[in-house]
Amino acid sequence: MAKHTLNLEVFDTRNTCIFLIKDTSIYADNVPVECPYLDILLPGFSCTTRIEVTPGFDLSLTACDLNIQTRDCGVTMNDLPDGVYSIKYSVAPNEYVFVEYNYLRVTNLLNKLDNIYCGLNLSNCEPPYKTKEKLKQIREIESYIKAARYM
């Protein structure tokens, strides 16, 4: 029996206002794709946002799209929070054909680390002891972030 193989890709970006998600599913030719939707639960929220999609979607979602910004949409773009995003993609029959992902977004955190790197006074020669220690701490933080994302 032919069936759909659903799959999503969530992309890292340094843009704090955008959440990038793409459908990379393989759809069976002889099975119709009906009622496709995404349910996204943002960190710190208790209600999901449902987004109706079409197969092969490639979305750049904003705070307005995810219903956490209701004013000045299209004028001002609010930052999206860091944390674990729960994502469910489903097609009919939706209770049986779905995939679920937990994605740890760390965009704001990585931007802060980038700013710390930019603030370091690195020259062409070996940096002073204090700068070396700061670099060591930043690398340790980056390792913890990587480990958390893999979990």
C-alpha atoms as a PDB file:
ATOM      1  CA  MET A   1       0.000   0.000   0.000  1.00  0.00           C
ATOM      2  CA  ALA A   2       1.377   3.385  -0.998  1.00  0.00           C
ATOM      3  CA  LYS A   3       1.619   6.053   1.656  1.00  0.00           C
ATOM      4  CA  HIS A   4       2.986   9.524   2.197  1.00  0.00           C
ATOM      5  CA  THR A   5       6.329   9.975   3.945  1.00  0.00           C
ATOM      6  CA  LEU A   6       6.005  13.284   5.743  1.00  0.00           C
ATOM      7  CA  ASN A   7       9.085  15.297   6.610  1.00  0.00           C
ATOM      8  CA  LEU A   8       9.861  18.880   7.584  1.00  0.00           C
ATOM      9  CA  GLU A   9      13.038  20.915   7.696  1.00  0.00           C
ATOM     10  CA  VAL A  10      13.358  23.820  10.120  1.00  0.00           C
ATOM     11  CA  PHE A  11      16.175  26.197   9.298  1.00  0.00           C
ATOM     12  CA  ASP A  12      18.402  28.209  11.591  1.00  0.00           C
ATOM     13  CA  THR A  13      18.475  31.903  10.859  1.00  0.00           C
ATOM     14  CA  ARG A  14      19.961  34.915  12.585  1.00  0.00           C
ATOM     15  CA  ASN A  15      16.771  36.887  11.857  1.00  0.00           C
ATOM     16  CA  THR A  16      14.966  37.096  15.199  1.00  0.00           C
ATOM     17  CA  CYS A  17      11.623  37.861  13.525  1.00  0.00           C
ATOM     18  CA  ILE A  18      11.417  34.868  11.173  1.00  0.00           C
ATOM     19  CA  PHE A  19      10.784  31.143  11.648  1.00  0.00           C
ATOM     20  CA  LEU A  20      11.715  29.155   8.505  1.00  0.00           C
ATOM     21  CA  ILE A  21      10.069  25.805   7.836  1.00  0.00           C
ATOM     22  CA  LYS A  22       9.926  23.743   4.637  1.00  0.00           C
ATOM     23  CA  ASP A  23       8.007  20.651   3.572  1.00  0.00           C
ATOM     24  CA  THR A  24      10.420  17.993   2.293  1.00  0.00           C
ATOM     25  CA  SER A  25       7.871  15.173   2.286  1.00  0.00           C
ATOM     26  CA  ILE A  26       7.561  12.447  -0.319  1.00  0.00           C
ATOM     27  CA  TYR A  27       3.957  12.115  -1.411  1.00  0.00           C
ATOM     28  CA  ALA A  28       2.540   8.933  -2.914  1.00  0.00           C
ATOM     29  CA  ASP A  29       1.292   9.511  -6.467  1.00  0.00           C
ATOM     30  CA  ASN A  30      -1.883   7.469  -6.094  1.00  0.00           C
ATOM     31  CA  VAL A  31      -2.954   8.845  -2.680  1.00  0.00           C
ATOM     32  CA  PRO A  32      -4.611  12.280  -2.555  1.00  0.00           C
ATOM     33  CA  VAL A  33      -3.122  14.914  -0.252  1.00  0.00           C
ATOM     34  CA  GLU A  34      -6.059  16.408   1.630  1.00  0.00           C
ATOM     35  CA  CYS A  35      -6.433  18.706   4.644  1.00  0.00           C
ATOM     36  CA  PRO A  36      -2.718  19.482   5.146  1.00  0.00           C
ATOM     37  CA  TYR A  37      -1.955  21.670   8.141  1.00  0.00           C
ATOM     38  CA  LEU A  38       0.763  22.645  10.581  1.00  0.00           C
ATOM     39  CA  ASP A  39       0.175  22.968  14.306  1.00  0.00           C
ATOM     40  CA  ILE A  40       2.898  25.005  16.006  1.00  0.00           C
ATOM     41  CA  LEU A  41       3.200  25.476  19.759  1.00  0.00           C
ATOM     42  CA  LEU A  42       5.604  28.234  20.749  1.00  0.00           C
ATOM     43  CA  PRO A  43       7.681  28.096  23.928  1.00  0.00           C
ATOM     44  CA  GLY A  44       5.782  29.456  26.904  1.00  0.00           C
ATOM     45  CA  PHE A  45       2.383  29.175  25.215  1.00  0.00           C
ATOM     46  CA  SER A  46      -0.398  26.672  25.876  1.00  0.00           C
ATOM     47  CA  CYS A  47      -2.367  26.955  22.599  1.00  0.00           C
ATOM     48  CA  THR A  48      -1.142  25.886  19.199  1.00  0.00           C
ATOM     49  CA  THR A  49      -1.420  27.960  16.053  1.00  0.00           C
ATOM     50  CA  ARG A  50      -2.879  26.068  13.102  1.00  0.00           C
ATOM     51  CA  ILE A  51      -1.646  27.015   9.663  1.00  0.00           C
ATOM     52  CA  GLU A  52      -3.288  25.586   6.573  1.00  0.00           C
ATOM     53  CA  VAL A  53      -0.625  24.724   4.007  1.00  0.00           C
ATOM     54  CA  THR A  54      -0.218  23.172   0.585  1.00  0.00           C
ATOM     55  CA  PRO A  55       2.181  20.291  -0.128  1.00  0.00           C
ATOM     56  CA  GLY A  56       5.710  21.502  -0.805  1.00  0.00           C
ATOM     57  CA  PHE A  57       5.273  24.639   1.336  1.00  0.00           C
ATOM     58  CA  ASP A  58       8.264  26.817   2.164  1.00  0.00           C
ATOM     59  CA  LEU A  59       7.273  29.272   4.903  1.00  0.00           C
ATOM     60  CA  SER A  60       8.844  32.306   6.543  1.00  0.00           C
ATOM     61  CA  LEU A  61       6.596  32.709   9.564  1.00  0.00           C
ATOM     62  CA  THR A  62       6.421  35.887  11.629  1.00  0.00           C
ATOM     63  CA  ALA A  63       4.944  36.711  15.024  1.00  0.00           C
ATOM     64  CA  CYS A  64       1.768  37.789  13.193  1.00  0.00           C
ATOM     65  CA  ASP A  65       1.528  34.436  11.385  1.00  0.00           C
ATOM     66  CA  LEU A  66       1.968  32.638  14.705  1.00  0.00           C
ATOM     67  CA  ASN A  67      -0.680  34.805  16.432  1.00  0.00           C
ATOM     68  CA  ILE A  68       1.593  36.305  19.082  1.00  0.00           C
ATOM     69  CA  GLN A  69       1.521  39.751  17.460  1.00  0.00           C
ATOM     70  CA  THR A  70      -1.844  41.292  16.655  1.00  0.00           C
ATOM     71  CA  ARG A  71      -0.994  44.960  16.025  1.00  0.00           C
ATOM     72  CA  ASP A  72       1.075  46.668  13.354  1.00  0.00           C
ATOM     73  CA  CYS A  73       1.419  43.477  11.303  1.00  0.00           C
ATOM     74  CA  GLY A  74       3.289  44.288   8.125  1.00  0.00           C
ATOM     75  CA  VAL A  75       4.654  47.451   9.734  1.00  0.00           C
ATOM     76  CA  THR A  76       6.582  46.215  12.772  1.00  0.00           C
ATOM     77  CA  MET A  77       7.976  42.738  13.172  1.00  0.00           C
ATOM     78  CA  ASN A  78       8.279  41.480  16.741  1.00  0.00           C
ATOM     79  CA  ASP A  79      10.988  39.015  17.733  1.00  0.00           C
ATOM     80  CA  LEU A  80      10.058  35.371  18.115  1.00  0.00           C
ATOM     81  CA  PRO A  81      11.070  33.735  21.385  1.00  0.00           C
ATOM     82  CA  ASP A  82      13.887  31.263  21.797  1.00  0.00           C
ATOM     83  CA  GLY A  83      12.971  27.882  23.241  1.00  0.00           C
ATOM     84  CA  VAL A  84      11.395  24.597  22.198  1.00  0.00           C
ATOM     85  CA  TYR A  85       8.860  24.810  19.362  1.00  0.00           C
ATOM     86  CA  SER A  86       6.541  21.815  18.990  1.00  0.00           C
ATOM     87  CA  ILE A  87       5.608  21.299  15.346  1.00  0.00           C
ATOM     88  CA  LYS A  88       3.084  18.820  13.963  1.00  0.00           C
ATOM     89  CA  TYR A  89       2.468  18.360  10.252  1.00  0.00           C
ATOM     90  CA  SER A  90      -0.523  16.321   9.181  1.00  0.00           C
ATOM     91  CA  VAL A  91      -2.546  15.296   6.132  1.00  0.00           C
ATOM     92  CA  ALA A  92      -5.834  13.374   5.966  1.00  0.00           C
ATOM     93  CA  PRO A  93      -6.581  11.131   7.713  1.00  0.00           C
ATOM     94  CA  ASN A  94      -4.957  13.571  10.155  1.00  0.00           C
ATOM     95  CA  GLU A  95      -5.146  11.365  13.238  1.00  0.00           C
ATOM     96  CA  TYR A  96      -2.983   8.738  11.476  1.00  0.00           C
ATOM     97  CA  VAL A  97      -0.772  10.573   8.988  1.00  0.00           C
ATOM     98  CA  PHE A  98       1.441  13.070  10.780  1.00  0.00           C
ATOM     99  CA  VAL A  99       4.946  13.851  11.978  1.00  0.00           C
ATOM    100  CA  GLU A 100       5.897  15.757  15.109  1.00  0.00           C
ATOM    101  CA  TYR A 101       9.103  17.600  15.868  1.00  0.00           C
ATOM    102  CA  ASN A 102      10.541  19.508  18.796  1.00  0.00           C
ATOM    103  CA  TYR A 103      12.866  22.236  17.579  1.00  0.00           C
ATOM    104  CA  LEU A 104      15.102  24.242  19.916  1.00  0.00           C
ATOM    105  CA  ARG A 105      15.321  27.781  18.554  1.00  0.00           C
ATOM    106  CA  VAL A 106      18.361  29.702  19.840  1.00  0.00           C
ATOM    107  CA  THR A 107      18.438  32.649  17.431  1.00  0.00           C
ATOM    108  CA  ASN A 108      18.437  35.394  20.075  1.00  0.00           C
ATOM    109  CA  LEU A 109      21.076  33.576  22.114  1.00  0.00           C
ATOM    110  CA  LEU A 110      23.379  33.078  19.119  1.00  0.00           C
ATOM    111  CA  ASN A 111      23.012  36.743  18.188  1.00  0.00           C
ATOM    112  CA  LYS A 112      24.115  37.674  21.723  1.00  0.00           C
ATOM    113  CA  LEU A 113      27.169  35.422  21.363  1.00  0.00           C
ATOM    114  CA  ASP A 114      27.962  37.035  18.005  1.00  0.00           C
ATOM    115  CA  ASN A 115      27.868  40.452  19.681  1.00  0.00           C
ATOM    116  CA  ILE A 116      30.262  39.233  22.369  1.00  0.00           C
ATOM    117  CA  TYR A 117      32.649  37.979  19.668  1.00  0.00           C
ATOM    118  CA  CYS A 118      32.437  41.343  17.927  1.00  0.00           C
ATOM    119  CA  GLY A 119      33.258  43.116  21.197  1.00  0.00           C
ATOM    120  CA  LEU A 120      36.471  41.168  21.718  1.00  0.00           C
ATOM    121  CA  ASN A 121      39.604  43.033  20.791  1.00  0.00           C
ATOM    122  CA  LEU A 122      41.314  40.360  18.732  1.00  0.00           C
ATOM    123  CA  SER A 123      44.486  41.369  16.982  1.00  0.00           C
ATOM    124  CA  ASN A 124      46.833  39.504  14.678  1.00  0.00           C
ATOM    125  CA  CYS A 125      48.906  38.244  17.585  1.00  0.00           C
ATOM    126  CA  GLU A 126      47.942  36.054  20.520  1.00  0.00           C
ATOM    127  CA  PRO A 127      45.252  37.686  22.668  1.00  0.00           C
ATOM    128  CA  PRO A 128      45.815  38.587  26.317  1.00  0.00           C
ATOM    129  CA  TYR A 129      44.912  36.126  29.064  1.00  0.00           C
ATOM    130  CA  LYS A 130      41.517  37.746  29.861  1.00  0.00           C
ATOM    131  CA  THR A 131      40.454  37.581  26.215  1.00  0.00           C
ATOM    132  CA  LYS A 132      41.581  33.943  25.974  1.00  0.00           C
ATOM    133  CA  GLU A 133      39.477  33.102  29.018  1.00  0.00           C
ATOM    134  CA  LYS A 134      36.446  34.858  27.534  1.00  0.00           C
ATOM    135  CA  LEU A 135      36.915  32.905  24.282  1.00  0.00           C
ATOM    136  CA  LYS A 136      37.117  29.685  26.273  1.00  0.00           C
ATOM    137  CA  GLN A 137      33.842  30.522  28.064  1.00  0.00           C
ATOM    138  CA  ILE A 138      32.097  31.380  24.784  1.00  0.00           C
ATOM    139  CA  ARG A 139      33.187  28.073  23.243  1.00  0.00           C
ATOM    140  CA  GLU A 140      31.906  26.227  26.303  1.00  0.00           C
ATOM    141  CA  ILE A 141      28.534  27.979  26.009  1.00  0.00           C
ATOM    142  CA  GLU A 142      28.396  27.083  22.311  1.00  0.00           C
ATOM    143  CA  SER A 143      29.077  23.435  23.208  1.00  0.00           C
ATOM    144  CA  TYR A 144      26.195  23.432  25.688  1.00  0.00           C
ATOM    145  CA  ILE A 145      23.889  24.931  23.056  1.00  0.00           C
ATOM    146  CA  LYS A 146      24.903  22.241  20.533  1.00  0.00           C
ATOM    147  CA  ALA A 147      24.346  19.483  23.072  1.00  0.00           C
ATOM    148  CA  ALA A 148      20.906  20.848  23.990  1.00  0.00           C
ATOM    149  CA  ARG A 149      19.889  21.000  20.330  1.00  0.00           C
ATOM    150  CA  TYR A 150      20.940  17.399  19.726  1.00  0.00           C
ATOM    151  CA  MET A 151      18.877  16.243  22.679  1.00  0.00           C
END
